[in-house]
N, C-alpha and C. Protein backbone atom coordinates (compact mmCIF):
# COMPACT_ATOMS: atom_id res chain seq x y z
N MET A 1 87.50 89.38 117.08
CA MET A 1 88.72 88.82 116.34
C MET A 1 90.03 89.35 117.02
N ALA A 2 91.03 88.59 117.12
CA ALA A 2 92.27 88.95 117.70
C ALA A 2 93.03 89.90 116.87
N LYS A 3 93.68 90.85 117.41
CA LYS A 3 94.54 91.68 116.66
C LYS A 3 95.77 90.89 116.13
N ARG A 4 96.08 91.23 114.90
CA ARG A 4 97.37 90.63 114.33
C ARG A 4 98.50 91.63 114.39
N PHE A 5 99.55 91.24 115.07
CA PHE A 5 100.71 92.14 115.21
C PHE A 5 101.74 91.65 114.15
N TRP A 6 102.46 92.72 113.61
CA TRP A 6 103.51 92.55 112.63
C TRP A 6 104.68 93.17 113.20
N ALA A 7 105.94 92.71 112.88
CA ALA A 7 107.16 93.32 113.38
C ALA A 7 108.20 93.08 112.36
N GLN A 8 109.17 94.09 112.33
CA GLN A 8 110.32 94.08 111.32
C GLN A 8 111.49 94.70 111.97
N ILE A 9 112.67 93.99 111.84
CA ILE A 9 113.91 94.52 112.28
C ILE A 9 114.16 95.65 111.27
N ILE A 10 114.61 96.86 111.76
CA ILE A 10 114.89 97.88 110.72
C ILE A 10 116.18 98.50 111.08
N GLU A 11 116.64 99.36 110.14
CA GLU A 11 117.96 100.08 110.22
C GLU A 11 119.08 99.19 110.11
N LEU A 12 119.08 98.02 109.32
CA LEU A 12 120.26 97.21 109.08
C LEU A 12 120.67 97.61 107.62
N ASP A 13 121.83 97.04 107.28
CA ASP A 13 122.30 97.13 105.87
C ASP A 13 121.42 96.59 104.88
N GLU A 14 120.96 95.35 105.27
CA GLU A 14 120.08 94.60 104.49
C GLU A 14 118.58 94.68 105.03
N GLU A 15 117.67 94.73 104.19
CA GLU A 15 116.28 94.78 104.58
C GLU A 15 115.92 93.32 105.16
N VAL A 16 115.17 93.35 106.27
CA VAL A 16 114.61 92.10 106.88
C VAL A 16 113.27 92.14 106.71
N GLU A 17 112.60 91.02 106.11
CA GLU A 17 111.21 90.89 105.84
C GLU A 17 110.43 90.92 107.14
N ALA A 18 109.32 91.73 107.03
CA ALA A 18 108.33 91.79 108.28
C ALA A 18 107.64 90.43 108.48
N ALA A 19 107.36 90.19 109.74
CA ALA A 19 106.78 88.89 110.10
C ALA A 19 105.60 89.03 111.02
N SER A 20 104.58 88.23 110.76
CA SER A 20 103.43 88.17 111.63
C SER A 20 103.75 87.52 112.99
N ILE A 21 103.46 88.00 114.03
CA ILE A 21 103.91 87.54 115.28
C ILE A 21 102.55 86.98 116.07
N PRO A 22 102.52 85.61 116.03
CA PRO A 22 101.25 84.97 116.66
C PRO A 22 101.40 84.93 118.22
N GLY A 23 100.17 85.06 118.84
CA GLY A 23 100.11 84.75 120.30
C GLY A 23 100.53 85.97 121.19
N VAL A 24 100.70 87.19 120.59
CA VAL A 24 101.14 88.31 121.42
C VAL A 24 99.87 89.22 121.53
N THR A 25 99.90 90.00 122.63
CA THR A 25 98.68 90.86 122.88
C THR A 25 99.16 92.42 122.85
N ASP A 26 100.35 92.63 122.68
CA ASP A 26 100.71 94.16 122.65
C ASP A 26 101.98 94.36 121.72
N HIS A 27 102.30 95.60 121.49
CA HIS A 27 103.46 95.95 120.72
C HIS A 27 104.73 95.47 121.30
N GLU A 28 104.92 95.69 122.56
CA GLU A 28 106.17 95.35 123.24
C GLU A 28 106.45 93.86 123.27
N SER A 29 105.44 93.05 123.46
CA SER A 29 105.75 91.63 123.43
C SER A 29 105.90 91.12 122.08
N ALA A 30 105.38 91.72 121.01
CA ALA A 30 105.70 91.29 119.55
C ALA A 30 107.06 91.73 119.29
N ALA A 31 107.45 92.82 119.75
CA ALA A 31 108.94 93.31 119.46
C ALA A 31 109.94 92.36 120.23
N ASP A 32 109.58 91.99 121.43
CA ASP A 32 110.47 91.14 122.24
C ASP A 32 110.63 89.78 121.50
N ALA A 33 109.48 89.26 121.03
CA ALA A 33 109.47 87.90 120.32
C ALA A 33 110.33 87.87 119.04
N LEU A 34 110.10 88.94 118.32
CA LEU A 34 110.98 89.02 117.09
C LEU A 34 112.36 89.28 117.32
N VAL A 35 112.70 90.14 118.20
CA VAL A 35 114.11 90.35 118.49
C VAL A 35 114.77 89.13 119.08
N THR A 36 114.11 88.49 120.00
CA THR A 36 114.68 87.24 120.57
C THR A 36 115.03 86.18 119.49
N ASP A 37 114.06 86.00 118.60
CA ASP A 37 114.34 85.09 117.47
C ASP A 37 115.46 85.49 116.63
N PHE A 38 115.48 86.84 116.36
CA PHE A 38 116.54 87.31 115.49
C PHE A 38 117.91 87.26 116.14
N VAL A 39 118.02 87.64 117.25
CA VAL A 39 119.34 87.52 117.94
C VAL A 39 119.79 85.99 118.06
N GLY A 40 118.89 85.16 118.27
CA GLY A 40 119.21 83.64 118.41
C GLY A 40 119.70 83.22 117.03
N ALA A 41 119.01 83.55 116.00
CA ALA A 41 119.33 83.20 114.53
C ALA A 41 120.64 83.82 114.15
N MET A 42 121.03 84.96 114.69
CA MET A 42 122.28 85.54 114.27
C MET A 42 123.35 85.04 115.28
N GLY A 43 123.18 84.14 116.16
CA GLY A 43 124.24 83.63 117.02
C GLY A 43 124.71 84.65 118.00
N GLY A 44 123.98 85.74 118.36
CA GLY A 44 124.41 86.79 119.23
C GLY A 44 125.48 87.74 118.54
N GLU A 45 125.60 87.68 117.27
CA GLU A 45 126.56 88.62 116.53
C GLU A 45 126.01 89.99 116.45
N ILE A 46 124.69 90.20 116.39
CA ILE A 46 124.12 91.49 116.33
C ILE A 46 123.39 91.68 117.69
N THR A 47 123.88 92.74 118.45
CA THR A 47 123.39 92.88 119.85
C THR A 47 122.52 94.11 120.09
N SER A 48 122.26 94.88 118.94
CA SER A 48 121.46 96.01 119.15
C SER A 48 120.87 96.51 117.80
N GLY A 49 119.84 97.30 117.91
CA GLY A 49 119.16 97.74 116.64
C GLY A 49 117.86 98.34 116.93
N ALA A 50 116.98 98.32 115.99
CA ALA A 50 115.70 98.87 116.05
C ALA A 50 114.69 97.86 115.47
N VAL A 51 113.46 97.87 116.03
CA VAL A 51 112.36 97.09 115.44
C VAL A 51 111.02 98.03 115.34
N ARG A 52 110.40 97.73 114.31
CA ARG A 52 109.06 98.45 114.17
C ARG A 52 107.98 97.50 114.25
N VAL A 53 106.93 97.81 115.04
CA VAL A 53 105.84 96.79 115.36
C VAL A 53 104.56 97.60 115.05
N TRP A 54 103.63 96.87 114.32
CA TRP A 54 102.30 97.52 114.09
C TRP A 54 101.24 96.46 114.18
N ILE A 55 100.03 96.98 114.38
CA ILE A 55 98.86 96.12 114.27
C ILE A 55 98.34 96.25 112.77
N GLU A 56 97.90 95.14 112.31
CA GLU A 56 97.40 95.19 110.96
C GLU A 56 96.27 96.27 110.77
N GLY A 57 96.53 97.22 109.88
CA GLY A 57 95.59 98.22 109.74
C GLY A 57 95.65 99.37 110.90
N GLY A 58 96.64 99.27 111.74
CA GLY A 58 96.69 100.28 112.84
C GLY A 58 97.93 100.90 113.12
N ALA A 59 98.15 101.43 114.31
CA ALA A 59 99.28 102.21 114.71
C ALA A 59 100.46 101.39 114.75
N ALA A 60 101.66 102.07 114.54
CA ALA A 60 102.93 101.51 114.60
C ALA A 60 103.82 102.07 115.79
N LYS A 61 104.65 101.38 116.38
CA LYS A 61 105.66 101.80 117.38
C LYS A 61 106.95 101.28 116.94
N VAL A 62 108.05 102.08 117.36
CA VAL A 62 109.44 101.77 117.07
C VAL A 62 110.09 101.67 118.39
N TYR A 63 110.84 100.53 118.51
CA TYR A 63 111.66 100.36 119.69
C TYR A 63 113.06 100.16 119.32
N ASP A 64 114.04 100.85 120.10
CA ASP A 64 115.44 100.51 120.14
C ASP A 64 115.63 99.35 121.01
N TRP A 65 116.49 98.39 120.59
CA TRP A 65 116.68 97.18 121.37
C TRP A 65 118.15 96.89 121.58
N SER A 66 118.59 96.15 122.68
CA SER A 66 119.78 95.65 122.94
C SER A 66 119.70 94.34 123.60
N ALA A 67 120.67 93.48 123.32
CA ALA A 67 120.67 92.18 123.84
C ALA A 67 121.86 92.17 124.92
N GLU A 68 121.57 91.80 126.13
CA GLU A 68 122.55 91.72 127.19
C GLU A 68 122.77 90.25 127.57
N PHE A 69 124.00 89.77 127.56
CA PHE A 69 124.35 88.39 127.82
C PHE A 69 125.13 88.28 129.05
N ASP A 70 124.91 87.11 129.74
CA ASP A 70 125.66 86.77 130.97
C ASP A 70 126.37 85.42 130.58
N MET A 71 127.70 85.50 130.54
CA MET A 71 128.41 84.40 130.19
C MET A 71 128.56 83.48 131.51
N PRO A 72 128.50 82.18 131.39
CA PRO A 72 128.60 81.26 132.61
C PRO A 72 130.05 81.37 133.12
N GLU A 73 130.24 81.21 134.40
CA GLU A 73 131.49 81.33 135.05
C GLU A 73 132.34 80.12 134.52
N GLY A 74 133.60 80.35 134.28
CA GLY A 74 134.49 79.25 133.85
C GLY A 74 134.28 78.79 132.40
N ALA A 75 133.52 79.58 131.59
CA ALA A 75 133.32 79.23 130.24
C ALA A 75 134.59 79.30 129.45
N ASP A 76 134.92 78.30 128.57
CA ASP A 76 136.12 78.24 127.84
C ASP A 76 135.79 78.81 126.47
N LEU A 77 136.10 80.05 126.18
CA LEU A 77 135.72 80.68 124.95
C LEU A 77 136.56 80.17 123.83
N ASP A 78 137.72 79.61 124.05
CA ASP A 78 138.54 79.04 122.99
C ASP A 78 138.00 77.61 122.51
N SER A 79 137.14 77.04 123.25
CA SER A 79 136.62 75.74 122.91
C SER A 79 135.61 75.73 121.73
N ASP A 80 135.54 74.69 121.03
CA ASP A 80 134.64 74.60 119.93
C ASP A 80 133.18 74.11 120.47
N GLU A 81 133.07 73.84 121.69
CA GLU A 81 131.78 73.40 122.30
C GLU A 81 130.83 74.58 122.44
N ASP A 82 129.51 74.24 122.26
CA ASP A 82 128.49 75.37 122.47
C ASP A 82 128.44 75.66 123.92
N ILE A 83 128.26 76.95 124.20
CA ILE A 83 128.09 77.44 125.56
C ILE A 83 126.69 77.99 125.76
N GLU A 84 126.12 77.48 126.86
CA GLU A 84 124.72 78.01 127.20
C GLU A 84 124.85 79.36 127.81
N VAL A 85 124.31 80.47 127.14
CA VAL A 85 124.37 81.74 127.50
C VAL A 85 123.02 82.20 127.88
N GLU A 86 122.95 82.95 129.06
CA GLU A 86 121.70 83.59 129.52
C GLU A 86 121.69 84.96 128.88
N GLY A 87 120.47 85.42 128.44
CA GLY A 87 120.46 86.79 127.92
C GLY A 87 119.12 87.42 128.19
N GLU A 88 119.14 88.70 127.89
CA GLU A 88 117.95 89.53 128.13
C GLU A 88 117.81 90.55 127.02
N ILE A 89 116.59 90.79 126.49
CA ILE A 89 116.43 91.84 125.48
C ILE A 89 115.85 93.10 126.25
N VAL A 90 116.42 94.21 125.96
CA VAL A 90 115.99 95.43 126.59
C VAL A 90 115.40 96.24 125.55
N LEU A 91 114.18 96.76 125.65
CA LEU A 91 113.48 97.51 124.63
C LEU A 91 113.19 98.90 125.22
N THR A 92 113.44 99.84 124.38
CA THR A 92 113.19 101.22 124.77
C THR A 92 112.27 101.85 123.58
N GLU A 93 111.03 102.16 123.89
CA GLU A 93 110.24 102.83 122.86
C GLU A 93 110.74 104.14 122.51
N ARG A 94 110.75 104.46 121.16
CA ARG A 94 111.05 105.75 120.69
C ARG A 94 109.82 106.66 120.79
N MET A 95 110.01 107.85 121.21
CA MET A 95 108.93 108.81 121.25
C MET A 95 109.02 109.82 120.23
N GLY A 96 107.88 110.26 119.68
CA GLY A 96 107.91 111.32 118.63
C GLY A 96 107.99 110.76 117.32
């Protein structure tokens, strides 16, 4: 039977509910999937934080994360039009 990974954004003012992350095979890919969805849902307003990931009935890991964005050249930031932004999630596992 496949392992079920859970992840939760932590250390925010408001508690974020934990979510089951389908289709991942390790803690880091579960963290990346949840953080990517979270940053997208927040419209890029929150660009760093922490995420806790665990296997159902097993060990947990905590990662600090940051979102790094590359704005397209010539982007008009004063425009109301949507801008396609490239981004990367950087995860750093907390030790200890």
